[in-house]
Protein backbone atom coordinates (compact mmCIF):
# COMPACT_ATOMS: atom_id res chain seq x y z
CA MET A 1 46.32 29.39 -41.16
CA THR A 2 46.40 33.01 -40.06
CA PRO A 3 43.55 35.48 -40.46
CA ALA A 4 44.64 39.03 -41.24
CA GLU A 5 42.80 42.26 -40.63
CA THR A 6 42.66 44.22 -43.86
CA GLY A 7 42.96 47.71 -42.36
CA THR A 8 45.66 47.25 -39.73
CA ARG A 9 47.19 44.06 -41.18
CA ALA A 10 47.16 42.68 -37.65
CA LEU A 11 47.18 38.90 -37.21
CA PRO A 12 44.51 38.12 -34.58
CA GLY A 13 45.26 34.41 -34.37
CA ALA A 14 46.97 31.43 -35.95
CA VAL A 15 46.63 27.66 -36.18
CA ILE A 16 49.40 25.28 -37.16
CA GLY A 17 48.92 21.64 -38.06
CA PRO A 18 49.54 18.87 -40.56
CA THR A 19 49.01 19.57 -44.25
CA ALA A 20 46.79 16.49 -44.55
CA GLU A 21 43.90 18.59 -43.26
CA GLY A 22 42.49 21.30 -45.49
CA ASP A 23 42.67 25.04 -44.94
CA THR A 24 39.02 25.23 -44.01
CA SER A 25 39.48 22.89 -41.04
CA TRP A 26 42.17 25.22 -39.71
CA ALA A 27 40.18 28.39 -40.38
CA SER A 28 37.05 27.28 -38.49
CA PRO A 29 38.47 27.63 -34.93
CA LEU A 30 39.64 31.17 -35.73
CA LEU A 31 36.15 32.47 -36.55
CA ARG A 32 34.44 35.01 -34.29
CA PRO A 33 31.02 36.69 -34.49
CA ASP A 34 32.51 40.15 -35.06
CA MET A 35 34.39 39.10 -38.22
CA LEU A 36 33.78 39.75 -41.86
CA VAL A 37 35.29 36.68 -43.49
CA LEU A 38 36.53 37.11 -47.06
CA TRP A 39 37.48 34.02 -49.05
CA ASP A 40 38.13 32.71 -52.52
CA LYS A 41 36.15 29.91 -54.14
CA GLY A 42 38.20 27.11 -52.59
CA PHE A 43 36.59 27.86 -49.22
CA ASP A 44 32.96 27.32 -50.21
CA GLY A 45 32.60 23.76 -48.89
CA ASN A 46 29.42 22.95 -46.98
CA ASP A 47 31.20 22.22 -43.69
CA PHE A 48 33.06 25.53 -43.74
CA LEU A 49 29.96 27.52 -44.72
CA ALA A 50 28.12 25.88 -41.81
CA ALA A 51 30.99 26.73 -39.41
CA VAL A 52 31.00 30.39 -40.48
CA THR A 53 27.23 30.59 -40.17
CA ALA A 54 27.31 28.97 -36.71
CA THR A 55 29.67 31.66 -35.40
CA ARG A 56 27.34 34.38 -36.73
CA ALA A 57 30.29 35.94 -38.58
CA GLN A 58 29.49 37.81 -41.77
CA PHE A 59 31.07 36.50 -44.95
CA LEU A 60 31.74 37.50 -48.50
CA GLY A 61 33.31 35.17 -51.00
CA ARG A 62 33.44 33.71 -54.45
CA LEU A 63 31.63 30.45 -54.97
CA ARG A 64 32.33 27.66 -57.42
CA SER A 65 30.35 27.96 -60.64
CA ASN A 66 28.34 24.81 -59.90
CA ARG A 67 27.06 26.03 -56.52
CA ARG A 68 23.51 27.40 -56.66
CA THR A 69 22.43 29.57 -53.77
CA PRO A 70 19.05 31.23 -53.16
CA VAL A 71 18.83 34.84 -54.35
CA LEU A 72 17.49 36.98 -51.49
CA THR A 73 18.21 40.41 -52.99
CA ARG A 74 19.51 41.27 -56.45
CA LEU A 75 21.96 44.22 -56.45
CA ALA A 76 22.33 46.87 -59.18
CA ASP A 77 25.66 45.45 -60.41
CA GLY A 78 24.16 42.01 -61.10
CA SER A 79 25.48 40.39 -57.91
CA TYR A 80 23.12 39.26 -55.18
CA LEU A 81 22.76 38.59 -51.49
CA SER A 82 22.09 35.03 -50.49
CA GLY A 83 21.40 33.22 -47.27
């Protein structure tokens, strides 16, 4: 697992391990409070969401269609902010 900065394409860290563990278990130790974490819907497990929240990193991602989150603010394009 390697996070990549979108502007510079720098690789600020990496974790290598067995494939028996999921991507989210490898991503968690790489999280920092100054990050904006972008992910696809495969990363919306409760444990990973809790790990991101615990680091105080900001995150933006797609969620599975069966996940229901509280709507804090509805945006003009129909999307919303949740917490």
